[in-house]
Amino acid sequence: SLAAGVPVVIVPLFADQLANALRLTEAGAGLALDPGIEGDDRRRPLSR
């Protein structure tokens, strides 16, 4: 998307996606939404 010059909204779910989201928002080319974590540092699944 960036190579095509199109801005992005990122909803990271797993793997390196959160790192990509942070780097992209720092560059000002989009926004990221992190669902966050639950107890014991477990990732919270995306929900309605």
All heavy atoms as atom14 arrays in JSON, in Angstrom:
{
  "sequence": "SLAAGVPVVIVPLFADQLANALRLTEAGAGLALDPGIEGDDRRRPLSR",
  "atom14_mask": [
    [1, 1, 1, 1, 1, 1, 0, 0, 0, 0, 0, 0, 0, 0],
    [1, 1, 1, 1, 1, 1, 1, 1, 0, 0, 0, 0, 0, 0],
    [1, 1, 1, 1, 1, 0, 0, 0, 0, 0, 0, 0, 0, 0],
    [1, 1, 1, 1, 1, 0, 0, 0, 0, 0, 0, 0, 0, 0],
    [1, 1, 1, 1, 0, 0, 0, 0, 0, 0, 0, 0, 0, 0],
    [1, 1, 1, 1, 1, 1, 1, 0, 0, 0, 0, 0, 0, 0],
    [1, 1, 1, 1, 1, 1, 1, 0, 0, 0, 0, 0, 0, 0],
    [1, 1, 1, 1, 1, 1, 1, 0, 0, 0, 0, 0, 0, 0],
    [1, 1, 1, 1, 1, 1, 1, 0, 0, 0, 0, 0, 0, 0],
    [1, 1, 1, 1, 1, 1, 1, 1, 0, 0, 0, 0, 0, 0],
    [1, 1, 1, 1, 1, 1, 1, 0, 0, 0, 0, 0, 0, 0],
    [1, 1, 1, 1, 1, 1, 1, 0, 0, 0, 0, 0, 0, 0],
    [1, 1, 1, 1, 1, 1, 1, 1, 0, 0, 0, 0, 0, 0],
    [1, 1, 1, 1, 1, 1, 1, 1, 1, 1, 1, 0, 0, 0],
    [1, 1, 1, 1, 1, 0, 0, 0, 0, 0, 0, 0, 0, 0],
    [1, 1, 1, 1, 1, 1, 1, 1, 0, 0, 0, 0, 0, 0],
    [1, 1, 1, 1, 1, 1, 1, 1, 1, 0, 0, 0, 0, 0],
    [1, 1, 1, 1, 1, 1, 1, 1, 0, 0, 0, 0, 0, 0],
    [1, 1, 1, 1, 1, 0, 0, 0, 0, 0, 0, 0, 0, 0],
    [1, 1, 1, 1, 1, 1, 1, 1, 0, 0, 0, 0, 0, 0],
    [1, 1, 1, 1, 1, 0, 0, 0, 0, 0, 0, 0, 0, 0],
    [1, 1, 1, 1, 1, 1, 1, 1, 0, 0, 0, 0, 0, 0],
    [1, 1, 1, 1, 1, 1, 1, 1, 1, 1, 1, 0, 0, 0],
    [1, 1, 1, 1, 1, 1, 1, 1, 0, 0, 0, 0, 0, 0],
    [1, 1, 1, 1, 1, 1, 1, 0, 0, 0, 0, 0, 0, 0],
    [1, 1, 1, 1, 1, 1, 1, 1, 1, 0, 0, 0, 0, 0],
    [1, 1, 1, 1, 1, 0, 0, 0, 0, 0, 0, 0, 0, 0],
    [1, 1, 1, 1, 0, 0, 0, 0, 0, 0, 0, 0, 0, 0],
    [1, 1, 1, 1, 1, 0, 0, 0, 0, 0, 0, 0, 0, 0],
    [1, 1, 1, 1, 0, 0, 0, 0, 0, 0, 0, 0, 0, 0],
    [1, 1, 1, 1, 1, 1, 1, 1, 0, 0, 0, 0, 0, 0],
    [1, 1, 1, 1, 1, 0, 0, 0, 0, 0, 0, 0, 0, 0],
    [1, 1, 1, 1, 1, 1, 1, 1, 0, 0, 0, 0, 0, 0],
    [1, 1, 1, 1, 1, 1, 1, 1, 0, 0, 0, 0, 0, 0],
    [1, 1, 1, 1, 1, 1, 1, 0, 0, 0, 0, 0, 0, 0],
    [1, 1, 1, 1, 0, 0, 0, 0, 0, 0, 0, 0, 0, 0],
    [1, 1, 1, 1, 1, 1, 1, 1, 0, 0, 0, 0, 0, 0],
    [1, 1, 1, 1, 1, 1, 1, 1, 1, 0, 0, 0, 0, 0],
    [1, 1, 1, 1, 0, 0, 0, 0, 0, 0, 0, 0, 0, 0],
    [1, 1, 1, 1, 1, 1, 1, 1, 0, 0, 0, 0, 0, 0],
    [1, 1, 1, 1, 1, 1, 1, 1, 0, 0, 0, 0, 0, 0],
    [1, 1, 1, 1, 1, 1, 1, 1, 1, 1, 1, 0, 0, 0],
    [1, 1, 1, 1, 1, 1, 1, 1, 1, 1, 1, 0, 0, 0],
    [1, 1, 1, 1, 1, 1, 1, 1, 1, 1, 1, 0, 0, 0],
    [1, 1, 1, 1, 1, 1, 1, 0, 0, 0, 0, 0, 0, 0],
    [1, 1, 1, 1, 1, 1, 1, 1, 0, 0, 0, 0, 0, 0],
    [1, 1, 1, 1, 1, 1, 0, 0, 0, 0, 0, 0, 0, 0],
    [1, 1, 1, 1, 1, 1, 1, 1, 1, 1, 1, 0, 0, 0]
  ],
  "atom14_positions": [
    [[0.83, -1.2, 0.0], [0.0, 0.0, 0.0], [0.86, 1.25, 0.0], [0.61, 2.21, -0.75], [-0.93, 0.0, 1.22], [-1.76, -1.14, 1.22], [0.0, 0.0, 0.0], [0.0, 0.0, 0.0], [0.0, 0.0, 0.0], [0.0, 0.0, 0.0], [0.0, 0.0, 0.0], [0.0, 0.0, 0.0], [0.0, 0.0, 0.0], [0.0, 0.0, 0.0]],
    [[1.9, 1.25, 0.83], [2.78, 2.42, 0.89], [3.51, 2.63, -0.43], [3.7, 3.77, -0.88], [3.78, 2.27, 2.04], [3.19, 2.28, 3.45], [4.3, 2.14, 4.47], [2.38, 3.54, 3.7], [0.0, 0.0, 0.0], [0.0, 0.0, 0.0], [0.0, 0.0, 0.0], [0.0, 0.0, 0.0], [0.0, 0.0, 0.0], [0.0, 0.0, 0.0]],
    [[3.93, 1.54, -1.07], [4.61, 1.67, -2.36], [3.7, 2.3, -3.4], [4.17, 2.93, -4.35], [5.09, 0.3, -2.85], [0.0, 0.0, 0.0], [0.0, 0.0, 0.0], [0.0, 0.0, 0.0], [0.0, 0.0, 0.0], [0.0, 0.0, 0.0], [0.0, 0.0, 0.0], [0.0, 0.0, 0.0], [0.0, 0.0, 0.0], [0.0, 0.0, 0.0]],
    [[2.39, 2.14, -3.22], [1.43, 2.75, -4.13], [0.99, 4.12, -3.64], [0.15, 4.76, -4.29], [0.21, 1.84, -4.27], [0.0, 0.0, 0.0], [0.0, 0.0, 0.0], [0.0, 0.0, 0.0], [0.0, 0.0, 0.0], [0.0, 0.0, 0.0], [0.0, 0.0, 0.0], [0.0, 0.0, 0.0], [0.0, 0.0, 0.0], [0.0, 0.0, 0.0]],
    [[1.52, 4.57, -2.49], [1.16, 5.88, -1.97], [-0.2, 5.93, -1.32], [-0.8, 7.01, -1.21], [0.0, 0.0, 0.0], [0.0, 0.0, 0.0], [0.0, 0.0, 0.0], [0.0, 0.0, 0.0], [0.0, 0.0, 0.0], [0.0, 0.0, 0.0], [0.0, 0.0, 0.0], [0.0, 0.0, 0.0], [0.0, 0.0, 0.0], [0.0, 0.0, 0.0]],
    [[-0.72, 4.79, -0.84], [-2.05, 4.73, -0.24], [-1.91, 4.62, 1.28], [-1.22, 3.71, 1.77], [-2.84, 3.51, -0.78], [-4.22, 3.46, -0.15], [-2.93, 3.58, -2.29], [0.0, 0.0, 0.0], [0.0, 0.0, 0.0], [0.0, 0.0, 0.0], [0.0, 0.0, 0.0], [0.0, 0.0, 0.0], [0.0, 0.0, 0.0], [0.0, 0.0, 0.0]],
    [[-2.53, 5.5, 2.06], [-2.44, 5.43, 3.52], [-3.16, 4.2, 4.07], [-4.01, 3.61, 3.39], [-3.09, 6.73, 3.99], [-4.01, 7.12, 2.88], [-3.36, 6.63, 1.61], [0.0, 0.0, 0.0], [0.0, 0.0, 0.0], [0.0, 0.0, 0.0], [0.0, 0.0, 0.0], [0.0, 0.0, 0.0], [0.0, 0.0, 0.0], [0.0, 0.0, 0.0]],
    [[-2.84, 3.85, 5.32], [-3.28, 2.58, 5.89], [-3.84, 2.77, 7.3], [-3.31, 3.57, 8.07], [-2.09, 1.58, 5.93], [-2.52, 0.24, 6.5], [-1.5, 1.39, 4.54], [0.0, 0.0, 0.0], [0.0, 0.0, 0.0], [0.0, 0.0, 0.0], [0.0, 0.0, 0.0], [0.0, 0.0, 0.0], [0.0, 0.0, 0.0], [0.0, 0.0, 0.0]],
    [[-4.88, 2.0, 7.63], [-5.34, 1.81, 9.01], [-5.03, 0.37, 9.36], [-5.47, -0.56, 8.67], [-6.84, 2.09, 9.16], [-7.34, 1.62, 10.54], [-7.13, 3.58, 8.99], [0.0, 0.0, 0.0], [0.0, 0.0, 0.0], [0.0, 0.0, 0.0], [0.0, 0.0, 0.0], [0.0, 0.0, 0.0], [0.0, 0.0, 0.0], [0.0, 0.0, 0.0]],
    [[-4.25, 0.17, 10.42], [-3.8, -1.18, 10.79], [-4.48, -1.64, 12.07], [-4.53, -0.91, 13.07], [-2.26, -1.21, 10.97], [-1.57, -0.88, 9.65], [-1.82, -2.58, 11.47], [-0.06, -0.92, 9.73], [0.0, 0.0, 0.0], [0.0, 0.0, 0.0], [0.0, 0.0, 0.0], [0.0, 0.0, 0.0], [0.0, 0.0, 0.0], [0.0, 0.0, 0.0]],
    [[-4.99, -2.88, 12.04], [-5.55, -3.54, 13.22], [-4.7, -4.79, 13.45], [-5.02, -5.88, 12.96], [-7.02, -3.92, 12.99], [-7.64, -4.47, 14.28], [-7.82, -2.72, 12.49], [0.0, 0.0, 0.0], [0.0, 0.0, 0.0], [0.0, 0.0, 0.0], [0.0, 0.0, 0.0], [0.0, 0.0, 0.0], [0.0, 0.0, 0.0], [0.0, 0.0, 0.0]],
    [[-3.58, -4.68, 14.19], [-2.65, -5.81, 14.31], [-3.24, -6.96, 15.11], [-3.89, -6.75, 16.13], [-1.45, -5.18, 15.03], [-1.99, -3.99, 15.75], [-3.13, -3.49, 14.92], [0.0, 0.0, 0.0], [0.0, 0.0, 0.0], [0.0, 0.0, 0.0], [0.0, 0.0, 0.0], [0.0, 0.0, 0.0], [0.0, 0.0, 0.0], [0.0, 0.0, 0.0]],
    [[-2.98, -8.19, 14.64], [-3.52, -9.38, 15.28], [-2.44, -10.31, 15.8], [-2.6, -10.93, 16.85], [-4.42, -10.14, 14.29], [-5.63, -9.37, 13.74], [-6.39, -10.23, 12.74], [-6.55, -8.93, 14.87], [0.0, 0.0, 0.0], [0.0, 0.0, 0.0], [0.0, 0.0, 0.0], [0.0, 0.0, 0.0], [0.0, 0.0, 0.0], [0.0, 0.0, 0.0]],
    [[-1.32, -10.47, 15.08], [-0.28, -11.41, 15.51], [1.0, -11.14, 14.74], [1.06, -10.25, 13.89], [-0.73, -12.88, 15.32], [-1.25, -13.19, 13.95], [-0.39, -13.56, 12.93], [-2.61, -13.11, 13.67], [-0.86, -13.86, 11.66], [-3.1, -13.41, 12.4], [-2.22, -13.78, 11.39], [0.0, 0.0, 0.0], [0.0, 0.0, 0.0], [0.0, 0.0, 0.0]],
    [[2.02, -11.94, 15.03], [3.33, -11.89, 14.35], [3.93, -10.48, 14.43], [3.88, -9.85, 15.48], [3.19, -12.39, 12.91], [0.0, 0.0, 0.0], [0.0, 0.0, 0.0], [0.0, 0.0, 0.0], [0.0, 0.0, 0.0], [0.0, 0.0, 0.0], [0.0, 0.0, 0.0], [0.0, 0.0, 0.0], [0.0, 0.0, 0.0], [0.0, 0.0, 0.0]],
    [[4.49, -9.99, 13.3], [5.2, -8.71, 13.31], [4.28, -7.53, 13.06], [4.73, -6.41, 12.84], [6.3, -8.72, 12.25], [5.75, -8.89, 10.84], [4.57, -9.29, 10.69], [6.5, -8.65, 9.88], [0.0, 0.0, 0.0], [0.0, 0.0, 0.0], [0.0, 0.0, 0.0], [0.0, 0.0, 0.0], [0.0, 0.0, 0.0], [0.0, 0.0, 0.0]],
    [[2.98, -7.75, 13.1], [2.03, -6.73, 12.68], [2.03, -5.5, 13.6], [1.87, -4.36, 13.13], [0.63, -7.33, 12.57], [0.55, -8.39, 11.49], [-0.59, -9.35, 11.65], [-1.47, -9.17, 12.5], [-0.59, -10.42, 10.86], [0.0, 0.0, 0.0], [0.0, 0.0, 0.0], [0.0, 0.0, 0.0], [0.0, 0.0, 0.0], [0.0, 0.0, 0.0]],
    [[2.21, -5.71, 14.89], [2.25, -4.57, 15.8], [3.48, -3.71, 15.55], [3.4, -2.47, 15.56], [2.23, -5.04, 17.26], [2.2, -3.93, 18.32], [0.99, -3.02, 18.13], [2.2, -4.53, 19.73], [0.0, 0.0, 0.0], [0.0, 0.0, 0.0], [0.0, 0.0, 0.0], [0.0, 0.0, 0.0], [0.0, 0.0, 0.0], [0.0, 0.0, 0.0]],
    [[4.62, -4.34, 15.28], [5.83, -3.58, 14.97], [5.65, -2.77, 13.69], [6.05, -1.6, 13.61], [7.02, -4.53, 14.83], [0.0, 0.0, 0.0], [0.0, 0.0, 0.0], [0.0, 0.0, 0.0], [0.0, 0.0, 0.0], [0.0, 0.0, 0.0], [0.0, 0.0, 0.0], [0.0, 0.0, 0.0], [0.0, 0.0, 0.0], [0.0, 0.0, 0.0]],
    [[5.04, -3.37, 12.67], [4.76, -2.64, 11.43], [3.83, -1.46, 11.7], [4.02, -0.36, 11.14], [4.13, -3.56, 10.39], [5.08, -4.64, 9.9], [6.29, -4.48, 9.96], [4.53, -5.73, 9.41], [0.0, 0.0, 0.0], [0.0, 0.0, 0.0], [0.0, 0.0, 0.0], [0.0, 0.0, 0.0], [0.0, 0.0, 0.0], [0.0, 0.0, 0.0]],
    [[2.84, -1.68, 12.54], [1.87, -0.63, 12.85], [2.54, 0.56, 13.54], [2.29, 1.72, 13.21], [0.75, -1.19, 13.73], [0.0, 0.0, 0.0], [0.0, 0.0, 0.0], [0.0, 0.0, 0.0], [0.0, 0.0, 0.0], [0.0, 0.0, 0.0], [0.0, 0.0, 0.0], [0.0, 0.0, 0.0], [0.0, 0.0, 0.0], [0.0, 0.0, 0.0]],
    [[3.39, 0.27, 14.5], [4.07, 1.34, 15.23], [4.97, 2.16, 14.3], [4.98, 3.39, 14.35], [4.89, 0.76, 16.39], [4.08, 0.13, 17.53], [5.01, -0.56, 18.52], [3.25, 1.18, 18.24], [0.0, 0.0, 0.0], [0.0, 0.0, 0.0], [0.0, 0.0, 0.0], [0.0, 0.0, 0.0], [0.0, 0.0, 0.0], [0.0, 0.0, 0.0]],
    [[5.7, 1.47, 13.44], [6.62, 2.16, 12.53], [5.85, 3.04, 11.53], [6.26, 4.15, 11.22], [7.48, 1.14, 11.81], [8.76, 1.7, 11.2], [9.76, 2.17, 12.26], [10.21, 1.11, 13.12], [11.18, 0.25, 12.86], [11.82, 0.34, 11.7], [11.54, -0.65, 13.74], [0.0, 0.0, 0.0], [0.0, 0.0, 0.0], [0.0, 0.0, 0.0]],
    [[4.72, 2.52, 11.07], [3.95, 3.26, 10.09], [3.3, 4.51, 10.7], [3.28, 5.57, 10.09], [2.88, 2.36, 9.49], [2.01, 3.02, 8.44], [2.05, 2.22, 7.14], [0.58, 3.13, 8.93], [0.0, 0.0, 0.0], [0.0, 0.0, 0.0], [0.0, 0.0, 0.0], [0.0, 0.0, 0.0], [0.0, 0.0, 0.0], [0.0, 0.0, 0.0]],
    [[2.79, 4.38, 11.94], [2.18, 5.54, 12.57], [3.22, 6.6, 12.9], [2.96, 7.8, 12.8], [1.42, 5.15, 13.84], [2.29, 4.42, 14.72], [0.23, 4.26, 13.5], [0.0, 0.0, 0.0], [0.0, 0.0, 0.0], [0.0, 0.0, 0.0], [0.0, 0.0, 0.0], [0.0, 0.0, 0.0], [0.0, 0.0, 0.0], [0.0, 0.0, 0.0]],
    [[4.43, 6.17, 13.27], [5.51, 7.13, 13.52], [5.84, 7.92, 12.25], [6.2, 9.1, 12.33], [6.76, 6.39, 14.01], [6.63, 5.82, 15.42], [7.81, 4.92, 15.79], [8.68, 4.71, 14.91], [7.85, 4.42, 16.93], [0.0, 0.0, 0.0], [0.0, 0.0, 0.0], [0.0, 0.0, 0.0], [0.0, 0.0, 0.0], [0.0, 0.0, 0.0]],
    [[5.69, 7.28, 11.1], [5.97, 7.95, 9.83], [4.82, 8.83, 9.37], [4.95, 9.57, 8.39], [6.29, 6.91, 8.76], [0.0, 0.0, 0.0], [0.0, 0.0, 0.0], [0.0, 0.0, 0.0], [0.0, 0.0, 0.0], [0.0, 0.0, 0.0], [0.0, 0.0, 0.0], [0.0, 0.0, 0.0], [0.0, 0.0, 0.0], [0.0, 0.0, 0.0]],
    [[3.67, 8.74, 10.05], [2.53, 9.58, 9.7], [1.75, 9.12, 8.49], [0.95, 9.87, 7.94], [0.0, 0.0, 0.0], [0.0, 0.0, 0.0], [0.0, 0.0, 0.0], [0.0, 0.0, 0.0], [0.0, 0.0, 0.0], [0.0, 0.0, 0.0], [0.0, 0.0, 0.0], [0.0, 0.0, 0.0], [0.0, 0.0, 0.0], [0.0, 0.0, 0.0]],
    [[1.95, 7.85, 8.05], [1.29, 7.36, 6.85], [0.02, 6.58, 7.15], [-0.53, 5.93, 6.27], [2.25, 6.48, 6.05], [0.0, 0.0, 0.0], [0.0, 0.0, 0.0], [0.0, 0.0, 0.0], [0.0, 0.0, 0.0], [0.0, 0.0, 0.0], [0.0, 0.0, 0.0], [0.0, 0.0, 0.0], [0.0, 0.0, 0.0], [0.0, 0.0, 0.0]],
    [[-0.44, 6.62, 8.4], [-1.66, 5.92, 8.76], [-1.84, 5.88, 10.26], [-1.08, 6.51, 11.01], [0.0, 0.0, 0.0], [0.0, 0.0, 0.0], [0.0, 0.0, 0.0], [0.0, 0.0, 0.0], [0.0, 0.0, 0.0], [0.0, 0.0, 0.0], [0.0, 0.0, 0.0], [0.0, 0.0, 0.0], [0.0, 0.0, 0.0], [0.0, 0.0, 0.0]],
    [[-2.86, 5.16, 10.69], [-3.16, 5.0, 12.11], [-3.24, 3.52, 12.44], [-3.53, 2.69, 11.57], [-4.48, 5.68, 12.47], [-4.51, 7.21, 12.48], [-5.91, 7.71, 12.8], [-3.51, 7.77, 13.48], [0.0, 0.0, 0.0], [0.0, 0.0, 0.0], [0.0, 0.0, 0.0], [0.0, 0.0, 0.0], [0.0, 0.0, 0.0], [0.0, 0.0, 0.0]],
    [[-3.0, 3.18, 13.7], [-3.07, 1.8, 14.15], [-4.0, 1.68, 15.34], [-4.08, 2.58, 16.17], [-1.68, 1.28, 14.52], [0.0, 0.0, 0.0], [0.0, 0.0, 0.0], [0.0, 0.0, 0.0], [0.0, 0.0, 0.0], [0.0, 0.0, 0.0], [0.0, 0.0, 0.0], [0.0, 0.0, 0.0], [0.0, 0.0, 0.0], [0.0, 0.0, 0.0]],
    [[-4.69, 0.57, 15.42], [-5.58, 0.25, 16.52], [-5.09, -1.05, 17.14], [-5.09, -2.09, 16.49], [-7.02, 0.08, 16.03], [-8.01, -0.44, 17.05], [-8.46, 0.71, 17.95], [-9.21, -1.08, 16.38], [0.0, 0.0, 0.0], [0.0, 0.0, 0.0], [0.0, 0.0, 0.0], [0.0, 0.0, 0.0], [0.0, 0.0, 0.0], [0.0, 0.0, 0.0]],
    [[-4.66, -1.01, 18.4], [-4.2, -2.21, 19.08], [-5.29, -2.69, 20.03], [-5.67, -1.96, 20.95], [-2.92, -1.91, 19.86], [-2.33, -3.15, 20.52], [-2.84, -4.26, 20.25], [-1.38, -3.02, 21.3], [0.0, 0.0, 0.0], [0.0, 0.0, 0.0], [0.0, 0.0, 0.0], [0.0, 0.0, 0.0], [0.0, 0.0, 0.0], [0.0, 0.0, 0.0]],
    [[-5.83, -3.91, 19.82], [-6.87, -4.41, 20.74], [-6.4, -4.5, 22.19], [-7.21, -4.51, 23.1], [-7.19, -5.8, 20.17], [-6.81, -5.72, 18.74], [-5.6, -4.82, 18.71], [0.0, 0.0, 0.0], [0.0, 0.0, 0.0], [0.0, 0.0, 0.0], [0.0, 0.0, 0.0], [0.0, 0.0, 0.0], [0.0, 0.0, 0.0], [0.0, 0.0, 0.0]],
    [[-5.08, -4.59, 22.41], [-4.56, -4.6, 23.78], [-4.36, -6.0, 24.32], [-4.39, -6.99, 23.59], [0.0, 0.0, 0.0], [0.0, 0.0, 0.0], [0.0, 0.0, 0.0], [0.0, 0.0, 0.0], [0.0, 0.0, 0.0], [0.0, 0.0, 0.0], [0.0, 0.0, 0.0], [0.0, 0.0, 0.0], [0.0, 0.0, 0.0], [0.0, 0.0, 0.0]],
    [[-4.16, -6.08, 25.64], [-3.87, -7.36, 26.28], [-4.85, -7.62, 27.42], [-5.5, -6.72, 27.93], [-2.43, -7.4, 26.83], [-2.22, -6.27, 27.87], [-1.42, -7.28, 25.72], [-0.89, -6.34, 28.56], [0.0, 0.0, 0.0], [0.0, 0.0, 0.0], [0.0, 0.0, 0.0], [0.0, 0.0, 0.0], [0.0, 0.0, 0.0], [0.0, 0.0, 0.0]],
    [[-4.96, -8.89, 27.78], [-5.75, -9.31, 28.94], [-4.76, -9.71, 30.04], [-3.58, -9.36, 29.99], [-6.66, -10.48, 28.55], [-7.67, -10.11, 27.49], [-8.5, -11.29, 27.04], [-7.94, -12.39, 26.9], [-9.7, -11.09, 26.83], [0.0, 0.0, 0.0], [0.0, 0.0, 0.0], [0.0, 0.0, 0.0], [0.0, 0.0, 0.0], [0.0, 0.0, 0.0]],
    [[-5.22, -10.45, 31.02], [-4.33, -10.88, 32.1], [-3.21, -11.77, 31.6], [-3.31, -12.39, 30.54], [0.0, 0.0, 0.0], [0.0, 0.0, 0.0], [0.0, 0.0, 0.0], [0.0, 0.0, 0.0], [0.0, 0.0, 0.0], [0.0, 0.0, 0.0], [0.0, 0.0, 0.0], [0.0, 0.0, 0.0], [0.0, 0.0, 0.0], [0.0, 0.0, 0.0]],
    [[-2.12, -11.81, 32.36], [-0.95, -12.65, 32.05], [-0.33, -12.29, 30.7], [0.27, -13.13, 30.03], [-1.33, -14.14, 32.04], [-1.88, -14.61, 33.37], [-1.4, -14.11, 34.41], [-2.8, -15.43, 33.37], [0.0, 0.0, 0.0], [0.0, 0.0, 0.0], [0.0, 0.0, 0.0], [0.0, 0.0, 0.0], [0.0, 0.0, 0.0], [0.0, 0.0, 0.0]],
    [[-0.48, -11.02, 30.3], [0.14, -10.53, 29.08], [-0.35, -11.26, 27.84], [0.34, -11.33, 26.83], [1.67, -10.63, 29.19], [2.38, -9.76, 28.16], [1.82, -8.71, 27.79], [3.48, -10.13, 27.72], [0.0, 0.0, 0.0], [0.0, 0.0, 0.0], [0.0, 0.0, 0.0], [0.0, 0.0, 0.0], [0.0, 0.0, 0.0], [0.0, 0.0, 0.0]],
    [[-1.56, -11.8, 27.89], [-2.13, -12.48, 26.73], [-2.8, -11.45, 25.82], [-3.45, -10.52, 26.28], [-3.16, -13.53, 27.16], [-2.56, -14.69, 27.92], [-3.65, -15.58, 28.49], [-4.46, -16.18, 27.45], [-4.2, -17.32, 26.84], [-3.11, -17.99, 27.16], [-5.0, -17.82, 25.92], [0.0, 0.0, 0.0], [0.0, 0.0, 0.0], [0.0, 0.0, 0.0]],
    [[-2.64, -11.62, 24.52], [-3.25, -10.71, 23.57], [-4.78, -10.85, 23.61], [-5.3, -11.94, 23.74], [-2.77, -11.03, 22.15], [-1.27, -10.97, 21.98], [-0.76, -9.56, 21.91], [-1.32, -8.82, 20.8], [-1.28, -7.5, 20.68], [-0.75, -6.78, 21.63], [-1.79, -6.91, 19.63], [0.0, 0.0, 0.0], [0.0, 0.0, 0.0], [0.0, 0.0, 0.0]],
    [[-5.49, -9.72, 23.52], [-6.94, -9.75, 23.48], [-7.4, -9.86, 22.04], [-7.05, -9.02, 21.22], [-7.52, -8.48, 24.12], [-9.05, -8.46, 24.15], [-9.58, -7.23, 24.86], [-9.36, -6.01, 24.11], [-10.12, -5.61, 23.1], [-11.14, -6.35, 22.69], [-9.87, -4.47, 22.49], [0.0, 0.0, 0.0], [0.0, 0.0, 0.0], [0.0, 0.0, 0.0]],
    [[-8.21, -10.88, 21.71], [-8.68, -10.99, 20.33], [-9.55, -9.8, 19.94], [-10.21, -9.18, 20.78], [-9.5, -12.29, 20.34], [-9.06, -13.03, 21.55], [-8.67, -11.99, 22.56], [0.0, 0.0, 0.0], [0.0, 0.0, 0.0], [0.0, 0.0, 0.0], [0.0, 0.0, 0.0], [0.0, 0.0, 0.0], [0.0, 0.0, 0.0], [0.0, 0.0, 0.0]],
    [[-9.58, -9.49, 18.67], [-10.43, -8.43, 18.16], [-11.89, -8.82, 18.4], [-12.28, -9.96, 18.21], [-10.18, -8.26, 16.66], [-10.76, -7.03, 15.98], [-10.09, -5.77, 16.5], [-10.56, -7.14, 14.47], [0.0, 0.0, 0.0], [0.0, 0.0, 0.0], [0.0, 0.0, 0.0], [0.0, 0.0, 0.0], [0.0, 0.0, 0.0], [0.0, 0.0, 0.0]],
    [[-12.7, -7.85, 18.84], [-14.11, -8.13, 19.13], [-14.99, -7.0, 18.64], [-14.51, -5.93, 18.27], [-14.31, -8.35, 20.63], [-14.08, -7.13, 21.34], [0.0, 0.0, 0.0], [0.0, 0.0, 0.0], [0.0, 0.0, 0.0], [0.0, 0.0, 0.0], [0.0, 0.0, 0.0], [0.0, 0.0, 0.0], [0.0, 0.0, 0.0], [0.0, 0.0, 0.0]],
    [[-16.3, -7.25, 18.66], [-17.26, -6.28, 18.12], [-17.16, -4.92, 18.81], [-17.47, -3.89, 18.22], [-18.68, -6.85, 18.26], [-19.64, -6.45, 17.17], [-19.28, -7.12, 15.85], [-19.23, -8.55, 15.96], [-20.28, -9.35, 15.75], [-21.43, -8.85, 15.4], [-20.15, -10.65, 15.82], [0.0, 0.0, 0.0], [0.0, 0.0, 0.0], [0.0, 0.0, 0.0]]
  ]
}
